[in-house]
Amino acid sequence: MDESFIGLDGVRGDLVDRAWKIRARIHQWIGIPCGIGIAGTKTLAKLANHIAKTAERKPGVYPDELATVCNLAALSDEQLREVLTATEVGEVWGVGRQLSAQLKAVGVYSVHDFVQLPGDLVRSKWGVVLERTWRELRGEPCIDLDNVPAPKQQIACTRSFGQPVTELKHLQEAISEFTTRAAEKLRRQHHLAGQVLVFARTSPFRDGPRYSRSIVVPLRRPTADTTELTNAALMGLKAIYQPGYKLAKAGVMLLDLIPDTVVQGELGFEDAVAEQRDRYRLMVAMDQVNDRFGKRTLLLGSSGIEQGADTWAMKQVRRTPRYTTDWHQVPVARA
């Protein structure tokens, strides 16, 4: 998570002072510096966060008092106009490169230029989405805070390999591991997947023959069973695999997600319901063991029990030490 929106309704006291204390606590507990933007709408708050970071990194662009913590709601109309004039329109949340070019083509270069446009013109020329952004920049809330994140429409697990993979066996181990991770996320979300997409490709930055293929494998019935999802992924992998390539990345995506409380019924030609119930209990037990004792405590045989992830794992040479989760990496103080 690299950002979060927090509603300040009912929060008393000096908001800027409270924001500085929050920032200090985050830096003390996690060790990551952050910028904080305060405003009346989500789009303005996002812009305030950009101003806070820019004012700290590039002194002189904005007033010094807006560095690190920027409260646009506390500025006067004249101060706000100066800040919006100094900000390019392309820095607005939701205004991408193409929209920015279109706006500049009609003489809109700054955020202040943009908010001065007539609302009818914005809607007729660029649509209701940009009009919503325009209203937010003028202080009219149009985007609600999400207290609970919406369920994902698809779940993916993709990785770049630490070294090129050339053998089907190692690629199968990687795909099995990726499917296992995606299936765990699927069960935590209480959903079932109807299709499995698997892909593999070479690096676009290395010399040699290029390869990039993917395939979608439909399932007979939606499921969250790791074994069924892995079997489908491996079936798709065999269909697209071609020897002779140095593969740099592969991955799995679970598609057509539906809640696990809604299942399409079938004619009772086999005892599928009892079979699914038993497999569900097995998956729950597997997740509980791995949560308690660590990943890969219980895994499918196709994930590579002997070699594990030695061949296809990421390098992670700059990984931060795991002081709080690995006994072997706990710092030792000697007096």
C-alpha atoms as a PDB file:
ATOM      1  CA  MET A   1       0.000   0.000   0.000  1.00  0.00           C
ATOM      2  CA  ASP A   2       1.551   3.303  -1.052  1.00  0.00           C
ATOM      3  CA  GLU A   3      -1.277   5.672  -0.116  1.00  0.00           C
ATOM      4  CA  SER A   4      -4.458   5.909   1.917  1.00  0.00           C
ATOM      5  CA  PHE A   5      -7.373   8.320   2.127  1.00  0.00           C
ATOM      6  CA  ILE A   6      -8.695   9.091   5.611  1.00  0.00           C
ATOM      7  CA  GLY A   7     -11.835  11.077   6.427  1.00  0.00           C
ATOM      8  CA  LEU A   8     -11.251  13.879   8.941  1.00  0.00           C
ATOM      9  CA  ASP A   9     -14.878  14.593   9.814  1.00  0.00           C
ATOM     10  CA  GLY A  10     -15.130  15.136  13.576  1.00  0.00           C
ATOM     11  CA  VAL A  11     -11.360  15.294  14.105  1.00  0.00           C
ATOM     12  CA  ARG A  12     -10.618  18.192  16.432  1.00  0.00           C
ATOM     13  CA  GLY A  13      -7.527  20.300  16.918  1.00  0.00           C
ATOM     14  CA  ASP A  14      -4.843  21.501  14.519  1.00  0.00           C
ATOM     15  CA  LEU A  15      -4.948  19.139  11.549  1.00  0.00           C
ATOM     16  CA  VAL A  16      -1.477  20.101  10.344  1.00  0.00           C
ATOM     17  CA  ASP A  17       0.049  19.472  13.759  1.00  0.00           C
ATOM     18  CA  ARG A  18      -1.719  16.110  13.958  1.00  0.00           C
ATOM     19  CA  ALA A  19      -0.473  15.233  10.463  1.00  0.00           C
ATOM     20  CA  TRP A  20       3.124  15.971  11.485  1.00  0.00           C
ATOM     21  CA  LYS A  21       2.735  13.654  14.480  1.00  0.00           C
ATOM     22  CA  ILE A  22       1.287  10.894  12.274  1.00  0.00           C
ATOM     23  CA  ARG A  23       4.174  11.264   9.839  1.00  0.00           C
ATOM     24  CA  ALA A  24       6.720  11.093  12.680  1.00  0.00           C
ATOM     25  CA  ARG A  25       5.098   7.947  14.050  1.00  0.00           C
ATOM     26  CA  ILE A  26       5.094   6.234  10.636  1.00  0.00           C
ATOM     27  CA  HIS A  27       8.763   7.086  10.200  1.00  0.00           C
ATOM     28  CA  GLN A  28       9.604   5.822  13.689  1.00  0.00           C
ATOM     29  CA  TRP A  29       7.653   2.568  13.462  1.00  0.00           C
ATOM     30  CA  ILE A  30       8.215   1.647   9.809  1.00  0.00           C
ATOM     31  CA  GLY A  31      11.163   3.782   8.725  1.00  0.00           C
ATOM     32  CA  ILE A  32       9.444   5.134   5.607  1.00  0.00           C
ATOM     33  CA  PRO A  33       9.076   8.899   5.044  1.00  0.00           C
ATOM     34  CA  CYS A  34       5.771  10.082   3.627  1.00  0.00           C
ATOM     35  CA  GLY A  35       3.950  13.178   2.511  1.00  0.00           C
ATOM     36  CA  ILE A  36       0.491  14.182   3.725  1.00  0.00           C
ATOM     37  CA  GLY A  37      -2.074  16.210   1.803  1.00  0.00           C
ATOM     38  CA  ILE A  38      -5.210  17.647   3.394  1.00  0.00           C
ATOM     39  CA  ALA A  39      -8.150  19.056   1.438  1.00  0.00           C
ATOM     40  CA  GLY A  40     -11.915  18.978   1.113  1.00  0.00           C
ATOM     41  CA  THR A  41     -12.092  16.338  -1.654  1.00  0.00           C
ATOM     42  CA  LYS A  42     -10.118  13.221  -2.609  1.00  0.00           C
ATOM     43  CA  THR A  43      -8.790  14.786  -5.817  1.00  0.00           C
ATOM     44  CA  LEU A  44      -7.642  17.925  -3.984  1.00  0.00           C
ATOM     45  CA  ALA A  45      -6.103  15.790  -1.224  1.00  0.00           C
ATOM     46  CA  LYS A  46      -4.206  13.796  -3.850  1.00  0.00           C
ATOM     47  CA  LEU A  47      -3.002  17.062  -5.381  1.00  0.00           C
ATOM     48  CA  ALA A  48      -2.047  18.387  -1.934  1.00  0.00           C
ATOM     49  CA  ASN A  49       0.077  15.294  -1.367  1.00  0.00           C
ATOM     50  CA  HIS A  50       1.891  15.949  -4.652  1.00  0.00           C
ATOM     51  CA  ILE A  51       2.477  19.563  -3.617  1.00  0.00           C
ATOM     52  CA  ALA A  52       3.792  18.457  -0.213  1.00  0.00           C
ATOM     53  CA  LYS A  53       6.343  16.120  -1.788  1.00  0.00           C
ATOM     54  CA  THR A  54       7.356  18.555  -4.529  1.00  0.00           C
ATOM     55  CA  ALA A  55       7.799  21.458  -2.114  1.00  0.00           C
ATOM     56  CA  GLU A  56      10.159  19.297  -0.058  1.00  0.00           C
ATOM     57  CA  ARG A  57      12.186  17.941  -2.974  1.00  0.00           C
ATOM     58  CA  LYS A  58      12.256  21.094  -5.100  1.00  0.00           C
ATOM     59  CA  PRO A  59      12.419  24.183  -2.870  1.00  0.00           C
ATOM     60  CA  GLY A  60      11.116  27.323  -4.539  1.00  0.00           C
ATOM     61  CA  VAL A  61       8.377  25.668  -6.596  1.00  0.00           C
ATOM     62  CA  TYR A  62       5.819  26.090  -3.795  1.00  0.00           C
ATOM     63  CA  PRO A  63       5.858  27.987  -0.479  1.00  0.00           C
ATOM     64  CA  ASP A  64       8.132  26.329   2.089  1.00  0.00           C
ATOM     65  CA  GLU A  65       5.303  25.936   4.611  1.00  0.00           C
ATOM     66  CA  LEU A  66       3.578  23.467   2.253  1.00  0.00           C
ATOM     67  CA  ALA A  67       6.523  21.034   2.249  1.00  0.00           C
ATOM     68  CA  THR A  68       5.889  17.514   3.594  1.00  0.00           C
ATOM     69  CA  VAL A  69       2.448  18.409   4.997  1.00  0.00           C
ATOM     70  CA  CYS A  70       0.151  20.506   2.798  1.00  0.00           C
ATOM     71  CA  ASN A  71      -3.282  21.655   3.917  1.00  0.00           C
ATOM     72  CA  LEU A  72      -5.024  23.266   0.953  1.00  0.00           C
ATOM     73  CA  ALA A  73      -8.161  23.842   3.042  1.00  0.00           C
ATOM     74  CA  ALA A  74      -6.258  26.340   5.217  1.00  0.00           C
ATOM     75  CA  LEU A  75      -5.139  28.527   2.305  1.00  0.00           C
ATOM     76  CA  SER A  76      -6.829  31.743   1.331  1.00  0.00           C
ATOM     77  CA  ASP A  77      -8.406  32.084  -2.105  1.00  0.00           C
ATOM     78  CA  GLU A  78      -5.391  34.039  -3.348  1.00  0.00           C
ATOM     79  CA  GLN A  79      -2.885  31.516  -1.963  1.00  0.00           C
ATOM     80  CA  LEU A  80      -4.834  28.618  -3.447  1.00  0.00           C
ATOM     81  CA  ARG A  81      -4.936  30.314  -6.830  1.00  0.00           C
ATOM     82  CA  GLU A  82      -1.154  30.789  -6.789  1.00  0.00           C
ATOM     83  CA  VAL A  83      -0.584  27.148  -5.869  1.00  0.00           C
ATOM     84  CA  LEU A  84      -2.929  25.855  -8.575  1.00  0.00           C
ATOM     85  CA  THR A  85      -1.314  28.168 -11.120  1.00  0.00           C
ATOM     86  CA  ALA A  86       2.115  26.729 -10.281  1.00  0.00           C
ATOM     87  CA  THR A  87       0.871  23.145 -10.802  1.00  0.00           C
ATOM     88  CA  GLU A  88       0.749  21.586 -14.263  1.00  0.00           C
ATOM     89  CA  VAL A  89      -2.610  20.137 -15.254  1.00  0.00           C
ATOM     90  CA  GLY A  90      -0.973  16.763 -15.922  1.00  0.00           C
ATOM     91  CA  GLU A  91      -0.362  16.346 -12.172  1.00  0.00           C
ATOM     92  CA  VAL A  92      -4.096  16.064 -11.484  1.00  0.00           C
ATOM     93  CA  TRP A  93      -5.320  12.621 -10.444  1.00  0.00           C
ATOM     94  CA  GLY A  94      -7.012  11.058 -13.481  1.00  0.00           C
ATOM     95  CA  VAL A  95      -5.505  13.397 -16.088  1.00  0.00           C
ATOM     96  CA  GLY A  96      -3.145  11.217 -18.070  1.00  0.00           C
ATOM     97  CA  ARG A  97      -0.728  12.023 -20.852  1.00  0.00           C
ATOM     98  CA  GLN A  98      -3.352  12.081 -23.608  1.00  0.00           C
ATOM     99  CA  LEU A  99      -5.826  14.237 -21.687  1.00  0.00           C
ATOM    100  CA  SER A 100      -3.016  16.556 -20.649  1.00  0.00           C
ATOM    101  CA  ALA A 101      -2.019  17.035 -24.313  1.00  0.00           C
ATOM    102  CA  GLN A 102      -5.635  17.706 -25.298  1.00  0.00           C
ATOM    103  CA  LEU A 103      -6.049  20.275 -22.541  1.00  0.00           C
ATOM    104  CA  LYS A 104      -2.816  22.033 -23.424  1.00  0.00           C
ATOM    105  CA  ALA A 105      -3.950  22.161 -27.036  1.00  0.00           C
ATOM    106  CA  VAL A 106      -6.835  24.416 -25.975  1.00  0.00           C
ATOM    107  CA  GLY A 107      -4.647  26.595 -23.747  1.00  0.00           C
ATOM    108  CA  VAL A 108      -5.076  24.803 -20.415  1.00  0.00           C
ATOM    109  CA  TYR A 109      -1.608  24.425 -18.892  1.00  0.00           C
ATOM    110  CA  SER A 110      -2.143  24.714 -15.132  1.00  0.00           C
ATOM    111  CA  VAL A 111      -4.673  23.345 -12.674  1.00  0.00           C
ATOM    112  CA  HIS A 112      -6.001  26.879 -12.238  1.00  0.00           C
ATOM    113  CA  ASP A 113      -6.602  27.122 -16.000  1.00  0.00           C
ATOM    114  CA  PHE A 114      -8.515  23.856 -15.821  1.00  0.00           C
ATOM    115  CA  VAL A 115     -10.846  24.853 -12.958  1.00  0.00           C
ATOM    116  CA  GLN A 116     -11.673  28.100 -14.799  1.00  0.00           C
ATOM    117  CA  LEU A 117     -13.161  26.174 -17.721  1.00  0.00           C
ATOM    118  CA  PRO A 118     -16.967  26.042 -17.950  1.00  0.00           C
ATOM    119  CA  GLY A 119     -18.339  22.784 -16.570  1.00  0.00           C
ATOM    120  CA  ASP A 120     -20.560  22.268 -19.624  1.00  0.00           C
ATOM    121  CA  LEU A 121     -17.519  22.453 -21.892  1.00  0.00           C
ATOM    122  CA  VAL A 122     -15.598  19.907 -19.833  1.00  0.00           C
ATOM    123  CA  ARG A 123     -18.492  17.459 -19.891  1.00  0.00           C
ATOM    124  CA  SER A 124     -19.324  17.836 -23.582  1.00  0.00           C
ATOM    125  CA  LYS A 125     -15.715  17.626 -24.768  1.00  0.00           C
ATOM    126  CA  TRP A 126     -14.148  15.107 -22.354  1.00  0.00           C
ATOM    127  CA  GLY A 127     -17.027  13.325 -20.622  1.00  0.00           C
ATOM    128  CA  VAL A 128     -18.560  12.983 -17.199  1.00  0.00           C
ATOM    129  CA  VAL A 129     -15.451  11.416 -15.614  1.00  0.00           C
ATOM    130  CA  LEU A 130     -13.296  14.495 -16.221  1.00  0.00           C
ATOM    131  CA  GLU A 131     -16.204  16.710 -15.189  1.00  0.00           C
ATOM    132  CA  ARG A 132     -16.207  14.869 -11.855  1.00  0.00           C
ATOM    133  CA  THR A 133     -12.511  15.659 -11.498  1.00  0.00           C
ATOM    134  CA  TRP A 134     -13.218  19.294 -12.394  1.00  0.00           C
ATOM    135  CA  ARG A 135     -15.894  19.495  -9.687  1.00  0.00           C
ATOM    136  CA  GLU A 136     -13.604  17.902  -7.122  1.00  0.00           C
ATOM    137  CA  LEU A 137     -10.913  20.477  -7.849  1.00  0.00           C
ATOM    138  CA  ARG A 138     -13.470  23.194  -7.232  1.00  0.00           C
ATOM    139  CA  GLY A 139     -14.216  21.737  -3.782  1.00  0.00           C
ATOM    140  CA  GLU A 140     -17.336  19.686  -4.564  1.00  0.00           C
ATOM    141  CA  PRO A 141     -16.953  16.094  -3.260  1.00  0.00           C
ATOM    142  CA  CYS A 142     -17.873  13.594  -5.957  1.00  0.00           C
ATOM    143  CA  ILE A 143     -15.795  10.538  -4.989  1.00  0.00           C
ATOM    144  CA  ASP A 144     -16.729   8.731  -1.780  1.00  0.00           C
ATOM    145  CA  LEU A 145     -14.272   7.167   0.619  1.00  0.00           C
ATOM    146  CA  ASP A 146     -14.124   3.367   0.395  1.00  0.00           C
ATOM    147  CA  ASN A 147     -14.259   2.011   3.923  1.00  0.00           C
ATOM    148  CA  VAL A 148     -14.115  -1.561   2.599  1.00  0.00           C
ATOM    149  CA  PRO A 149     -12.186  -2.285  -0.630  1.00  0.00           C
ATOM    150  CA  ALA A 150     -14.234  -3.804  -3.417  1.00  0.00           C
ATOM    151  CA  PRO A 151     -13.566  -7.466  -4.209  1.00  0.00           C
ATOM    152  CA  LYS A 152     -11.035  -7.959  -6.961  1.00  0.00           C
ATOM    153  CA  GLN A 153     -12.348  -8.875 -10.390  1.00  0.00           C
ATOM    154  CA  GLN A 154      -9.252 -10.926 -11.110  1.00  0.00           C
ATOM    155  CA  ILE A 155      -6.351 -12.243  -9.065  1.00  0.00           C
ATOM    156  CA  ALA A 156      -2.852 -12.505 -10.475  1.00  0.00           C
ATOM    157  CA  CYS A 157       0.479 -13.861  -9.317  1.00  0.00           C
ATOM    158  CA  THR A 158       3.353 -13.086 -11.676  1.00  0.00           C
ATOM    159  CA  ARG A 159       7.106 -13.061 -11.109  1.00  0.00           C
ATOM    160  CA  SER A 160      10.292 -12.296 -12.993  1.00  0.00           C
ATOM    161  CA  PHE A 161      12.826 -15.087 -12.632  1.00  0.00           C
ATOM    162  CA  GLY A 162      16.182 -14.514 -10.995  1.00  0.00           C
ATOM    163  CA  GLN A 163      17.809 -16.385 -13.880  1.00  0.00           C
ATOM    164  CA  PRO A 164      16.500 -17.506 -17.280  1.00  0.00           C
ATOM    165  CA  VAL A 165      14.341 -20.642 -17.197  1.00  0.00           C
ATOM    166  CA  THR A 166      14.783 -23.030 -20.108  1.00  0.00           C
ATOM    167  CA  GLU A 167      13.307 -26.344 -18.920  1.00  0.00           C
ATOM    168  CA  LEU A 168       9.620 -27.230 -18.760  1.00  0.00           C
ATOM    169  CA  LYS A 169      10.062 -28.890 -15.352  1.00  0.00           C
ATOM    170  CA  HIS A 170      11.270 -25.693 -13.706  1.00  0.00           C
ATOM    171  CA  LEU A 171       8.565 -23.665 -15.424  1.00  0.00           C
ATOM    172  CA  GLN A 172       5.932 -26.087 -14.125  1.00  0.00           C
ATOM    173  CA  GLU A 173       7.275 -25.670 -10.589  1.00  0.00           C
ATOM    174  CA  ALA A 174       7.022 -21.891 -10.890  1.00  0.00           C
ATOM    175  CA  ILE A 175       3.486 -21.983 -12.320  1.00  0.00           C
ATOM    176  CA  SER A 176       2.384 -24.393  -9.569  1.00  0.00           C
ATOM    177  CA  GLU A 177       3.767 -22.075  -6.913  1.00  0.00           C
ATOM    178  CA  PHE A 178       2.177 -18.990  -8.490  1.00  0.00           C
ATOM    179  CA  THR A 179      -1.208 -20.734  -8.744  1.00  0.00           C
ATOM    180  CA  THR A 180      -0.981 -21.754  -5.092  1.00  0.00           C
ATOM    181  CA  ARG A 181      -0.383 -18.138  -4.038  1.00  0.00           C
ATOM    182  CA  ALA A 182      -3.263 -16.898  -6.214  1.00  0.00           C
ATOM    183  CA  ALA A 183      -5.596 -19.591  -4.858  1.00  0.00           C
ATOM    184  CA  GLU A 184      -4.824 -18.525  -1.286  1.00  0.00           C
ATOM    185  CA  LYS A 185      -5.791 -14.947  -2.142  1.00  0.00           C
ATOM    186  CA  LEU A 186      -8.940 -16.241  -3.842  1.00  0.00           C
ATOM    187  CA  ARG A 187     -10.060 -18.125  -0.726  1.00  0.00           C
ATOM    188  CA  ARG A 188      -9.314 -15.162   1.543  1.00  0.00           C
ATOM    189  CA  GLN A 189     -11.630 -13.109  -0.676  1.00  0.00           C
ATOM    190  CA  HIS A 190     -14.289 -15.868  -0.469  1.00  0.00           C
ATOM    191  CA  HIS A 191     -14.545 -16.179  -4.234  1.00  0.00           C
ATOM    192  CA  LEU A 192     -14.367 -18.877  -6.885  1.00  0.00           C
ATOM    193  CA  ALA A 193     -12.613 -18.675 -10.258  1.00  0.00           C
ATOM    194  CA  GLY A 194     -14.167 -19.766 -13.535  1.00  0.00           C
ATOM    195  CA  GLN A 195     -11.091 -19.488 -15.775  1.00  0.00           C
ATOM    196  CA  VAL A 196      -7.317 -19.631 -15.426  1.00  0.00           C
ATOM    197  CA  LEU A 197      -4.935 -17.617 -17.595  1.00  0.00           C
ATOM    198  CA  VAL A 198      -1.292 -18.668 -17.755  1.00  0.00           C
ATOM    199  CA  PHE A 199       1.511 -16.908 -19.633  1.00  0.00           C
ATOM    200  CA  ALA A 200       5.265 -17.043 -20.132  1.00  0.00           C
ATOM    201  CA  ARG A 201       7.639 -14.738 -21.981  1.00  0.00           C
ATOM    202  CA  THR A 202      11.258 -13.885 -22.578  1.00  0.00           C
ATOM    203  CA  SER A 203      12.827 -10.593 -21.551  1.00  0.00           C
ATOM    204  CA  PRO A 204      12.304  -7.710 -23.998  1.00  0.00           C
ATOM    205  CA  PHE A 205      15.664  -6.256 -22.865  1.00  0.00           C
ATOM    206  CA  ARG A 206      17.916  -9.242 -23.642  1.00  0.00           C
ATOM    207  CA  ASP A 207      19.311 -10.423 -26.928  1.00  0.00           C
ATOM    208  CA  GLY A 208      18.105 -13.666 -28.404  1.00  0.00           C
ATOM    209  CA  PRO A 209      14.878 -15.137 -29.800  1.00  0.00           C
ATOM    210  CA  ARG A 210      11.704 -13.612 -28.438  1.00  0.00           C
ATOM    211  CA  TYR A 211       8.763 -15.573 -27.066  1.00  0.00           C
ATOM    212  CA  SER A 212       5.508 -14.474 -25.467  1.00  0.00           C
ATOM    213  CA  ARG A 213       2.382 -16.604 -25.283  1.00  0.00           C
ATOM    214  CA  SER A 214      -0.652 -16.966 -23.064  1.00  0.00           C
ATOM    215  CA  ILE A 215      -3.766 -19.108 -22.906  1.00  0.00           C
ATOM    216  CA  VAL A 216      -7.052 -19.079 -20.990  1.00  0.00           C
ATOM    217  CA  VAL A 217      -8.264 -22.420 -19.654  1.00  0.00           C
ATOM    218  CA  PRO A 218     -11.980 -22.561 -18.729  1.00  0.00           C
ATOM    219  CA  LEU A 219     -12.958 -24.674 -15.739  1.00  0.00           C
ATOM    220  CA  ARG A 220     -15.825 -27.137 -15.641  1.00  0.00           C
ATOM    221  CA  ARG A 221     -17.184 -25.422 -12.541  1.00  0.00           C
ATOM    222  CA  PRO A 222     -15.957 -22.390 -10.586  1.00  0.00           C
ATOM    223  CA  THR A 223     -13.583 -23.433  -7.840  1.00  0.00           C
ATOM    224  CA  ALA A 224     -11.077 -22.239  -5.234  1.00  0.00           C
ATOM    225  CA  ASP A 225      -9.360 -25.624  -4.995  1.00  0.00           C
ATOM    226  CA  THR A 226      -5.604 -25.228  -5.412  1.00  0.00           C
ATOM    227  CA  THR A 227      -5.212 -28.617  -7.100  1.00  0.00           C
ATOM    228  CA  GLU A 228      -7.918 -27.988  -9.695  1.00  0.00           C
ATOM    229  CA  LEU A 229      -6.603 -24.514 -10.462  1.00  0.00           C
ATOM    230  CA  THR A 230      -3.036 -25.813 -10.707  1.00  0.00           C
ATOM    231  CA  ASN A 231      -4.054 -28.682 -13.001  1.00  0.00           C
ATOM    232  CA  ALA A 232      -5.739 -26.199 -15.328  1.00  0.00           C
ATOM    233  CA  ALA A 233      -2.713 -23.878 -15.262  1.00  0.00           C
ATOM    234  CA  LEU A 234      -0.292 -26.726 -16.025  1.00  0.00           C
ATOM    235  CA  MET A 235      -2.552 -27.944 -18.836  1.00  0.00           C
ATOM    236  CA  GLY A 236      -2.449 -24.483 -20.365  1.00  0.00           C
ATOM    237  CA  LEU A 237       1.312 -24.252 -19.867  1.00  0.00           C
ATOM    238  CA  LYS A 238       1.895 -27.489 -21.794  1.00  0.00           C
ATOM    239  CA  ALA A 239      -0.228 -26.123 -24.630  1.00  0.00           C
ATOM    240  CA  ILE A 240       1.846 -22.944 -25.053  1.00  0.00           C
ATOM    241  CA  TYR A 241       5.329 -24.129 -24.048  1.00  0.00           C
ATOM    242  CA  GLN A 242       8.031 -24.217 -26.707  1.00  0.00           C
ATOM    243  CA  PRO A 243      11.615 -25.310 -25.969  1.00  0.00           C
ATOM    244  CA  GLY A 244      14.659 -23.278 -26.938  1.00  0.00           C
ATOM    245  CA  TYR A 245      13.787 -19.992 -25.220  1.00  0.00           C
ATOM    246  CA  LYS A 246      15.268 -18.313 -22.149  1.00  0.00           C
ATOM    247  CA  LEU A 247      12.101 -17.384 -20.298  1.00  0.00           C
ATOM    248  CA  ALA A 248      12.318 -14.398 -17.961  1.00  0.00           C
ATOM    249  CA  LYS A 249       8.794 -14.127 -16.569  1.00  0.00           C
ATOM    250  CA  ALA A 250       5.653 -16.188 -16.101  1.00  0.00           C
ATOM    251  CA  GLY A 251       2.418 -15.855 -14.228  1.00  0.00           C
ATOM    252  CA  VAL A 252      -1.120 -16.969 -13.516  1.00  0.00           C
ATOM    253  CA  MET A 253      -4.366 -14.981 -13.442  1.00  0.00           C
ATOM    254  CA  LEU A 254      -7.662 -16.213 -12.027  1.00  0.00           C
ATOM    255  CA  LEU A 255     -10.613 -14.856 -14.016  1.00  0.00           C
ATOM    256  CA  ASP A 256     -14.421 -14.827 -13.915  1.00  0.00           C
ATOM    257  CA  LEU A 257     -14.525 -14.511 -10.140  1.00  0.00           C
ATOM    258  CA  ILE A 258     -17.833 -15.083  -8.328  1.00  0.00           C
ATOM    259  CA  PRO A 259     -18.704 -15.214  -4.602  1.00  0.00           C
ATOM    260  CA  ASP A 260     -18.344 -18.684  -3.092  1.00  0.00           C
ATOM    261  CA  THR A 261     -21.931 -18.409  -1.859  1.00  0.00           C
ATOM    262  CA  VAL A 262     -23.274 -18.481  -5.425  1.00  0.00           C
ATOM    263  CA  VAL A 263     -22.571 -21.736  -7.256  1.00  0.00           C
ATOM    264  CA  GLN A 264     -24.122 -22.953 -10.504  1.00  0.00           C
ATOM    265  CA  GLY A 265     -26.007 -26.183  -9.859  1.00  0.00           C
ATOM    266  CA  GLU A 266     -25.483 -29.362 -11.894  1.00  0.00           C
ATOM    267  CA  LEU A 267     -27.465 -32.487 -12.578  1.00  0.00           C
ATOM    268  CA  GLY A 268     -26.601 -35.138  -9.986  1.00  0.00           C
ATOM    269  CA  PHE A 269     -24.747 -37.615 -12.184  1.00  0.00           C
ATOM    270  CA  GLU A 270     -21.959 -37.743  -9.601  1.00  0.00           C
ATOM    271  CA  ASP A 271     -21.512 -36.835  -5.975  1.00  0.00           C
ATOM    272  CA  ALA A 272     -19.766 -33.565  -6.805  1.00  0.00           C
ATOM    273  CA  VAL A 273     -21.144 -31.655  -3.821  1.00  0.00           C
ATOM    274  CA  ALA A 274     -19.627 -34.008  -1.246  1.00  0.00           C
ATOM    275  CA  GLU A 275     -16.344 -34.026  -3.126  1.00  0.00           C
ATOM    276  CA  GLN A 276     -16.169 -30.227  -3.133  1.00  0.00           C
ATOM    277  CA  ARG A 277     -17.039 -30.047   0.572  1.00  0.00           C
ATOM    278  CA  ASP A 278     -14.159 -32.375   1.507  1.00  0.00           C
ATOM    279  CA  ARG A 279     -11.712 -30.495  -0.723  1.00  0.00           C
ATOM    280  CA  TYR A 280     -12.786 -27.209   0.829  1.00  0.00           C
ATOM    281  CA  ARG A 281     -11.943 -28.476   4.296  1.00  0.00           C
ATOM    282  CA  LEU A 282      -8.586 -29.656   3.003  1.00  0.00           C
ATOM    283  CA  MET A 283      -7.837 -26.237   1.514  1.00  0.00           C
ATOM    284  CA  VAL A 284      -8.783 -24.498   4.761  1.00  0.00           C
ATOM    285  CA  ALA A 285      -6.464 -26.796   6.703  1.00  0.00           C
ATOM    286  CA  MET A 286      -3.667 -26.167   4.208  1.00  0.00           C
ATOM    287  CA  ASP A 287      -4.062 -22.404   4.526  1.00  0.00           C
ATOM    288  CA  GLN A 288      -4.065 -22.571   8.311  1.00  0.00           C
ATOM    289  CA  VAL A 289      -0.859 -24.624   8.406  1.00  0.00           C
ATOM    290  CA  ASN A 290       0.938 -22.305   5.994  1.00  0.00           C
ATOM    291  CA  ASP A 291      -0.255 -19.217   7.876  1.00  0.00           C
ATOM    292  CA  ARG A 292       1.069 -20.610  11.140  1.00  0.00           C
ATOM    293  CA  PHE A 293       4.343 -22.220  10.059  1.00  0.00           C
ATOM    294  CA  GLY A 294       5.228 -20.210   6.941  1.00  0.00           C
ATOM    295  CA  LYS A 295       4.815 -20.465   3.190  1.00  0.00           C
ATOM    296  CA  ARG A 296       5.684 -23.756   1.498  1.00  0.00           C
ATOM    297  CA  THR A 297       5.190 -25.726   4.720  1.00  0.00           C
ATOM    298  CA  LEU A 298       2.474 -27.610   2.843  1.00  0.00           C
ATOM    299  CA  LEU A 299       2.658 -27.468  -0.932  1.00  0.00           C
ATOM    300  CA  LEU A 300       1.801 -29.383  -4.039  1.00  0.00           C
ATOM    301  CA  GLY A 301       4.371 -31.858  -5.321  1.00  0.00           C
ATOM    302  CA  SER A 302       4.421 -30.061  -8.663  1.00  0.00           C
ATOM    303  CA  SER A 303       5.892 -26.992  -6.913  1.00  0.00           C
ATOM    304  CA  GLY A 304       9.229 -28.770  -6.549  1.00  0.00           C
ATOM    305  CA  ILE A 305       9.805 -30.291  -3.137  1.00  0.00           C
ATOM    306  CA  GLU A 306      13.497 -31.059  -3.619  1.00  0.00           C
ATOM    307  CA  GLN A 307      14.827 -27.994  -5.407  1.00  0.00           C
ATOM    308  CA  GLY A 308      12.142 -25.614  -4.226  1.00  0.00           C
ATOM    309  CA  ALA A 309      12.432 -22.151  -5.747  1.00  0.00           C
ATOM    310  CA  ASP A 310      16.225 -22.217  -6.201  1.00  0.00           C
ATOM    311  CA  THR A 311      16.024 -22.284  -9.990  1.00  0.00           C
ATOM    312  CA  TRP A 312      13.193 -19.861 -10.773  1.00  0.00           C
ATOM    313  CA  ALA A 313      12.908 -17.559  -7.737  1.00  0.00           C
ATOM    314  CA  MET A 314      13.491 -13.822  -7.901  1.00  0.00           C
ATOM    315  CA  LYS A 315      16.964 -12.561  -6.970  1.00  0.00           C
ATOM    316  CA  GLN A 316      15.835 -10.166  -4.203  1.00  0.00           C
ATOM    317  CA  VAL A 317      19.425  -9.063  -3.634  1.00  0.00           C
ATOM    318  CA  ARG A 318      18.238  -5.735  -2.177  1.00  0.00           C
ATOM    319  CA  ARG A 319      15.586  -7.185   0.077  1.00  0.00           C
ATOM    320  CA  THR A 320      15.217  -5.487   3.455  1.00  0.00           C
ATOM    321  CA  PRO A 321      16.286  -7.721   6.395  1.00  0.00           C
ATOM    322  CA  ARG A 322      13.319  -9.441   8.065  1.00  0.00           C
ATOM    323  CA  TYR A 323      14.105  -8.406  11.626  1.00  0.00           C
ATOM    324  CA  THR A 324      10.641  -9.163  12.980  1.00  0.00           C
ATOM    325  CA  THR A 325       9.754 -12.369  11.095  1.00  0.00           C
ATOM    326  CA  ASP A 326      12.987 -14.401  10.857  1.00  0.00           C
ATOM    327  CA  TRP A 327      14.905 -15.550  13.939  1.00  0.00           C
ATOM    328  CA  HIS A 328      18.130 -15.749  11.920  1.00  0.00           C
ATOM    329  CA  GLN A 329      17.908 -12.054  11.004  1.00  0.00           C
ATOM    330  CA  VAL A 330      17.095 -10.611  14.430  1.00  0.00           C
ATOM    331  CA  PRO A 331      19.734  -7.941  15.217  1.00  0.00           C
ATOM    332  CA  VAL A 332      22.134  -8.832  18.022  1.00  0.00           C
ATOM    333  CA  ALA A 333      23.510  -6.163  20.353  1.00  0.00           C
ATOM    334  CA  ARG A 334      26.812  -6.915  22.063  1.00  0.00           C
ATOM    335  CA  ALA A 335      27.966  -4.798  24.988  1.00  0.00           C
END
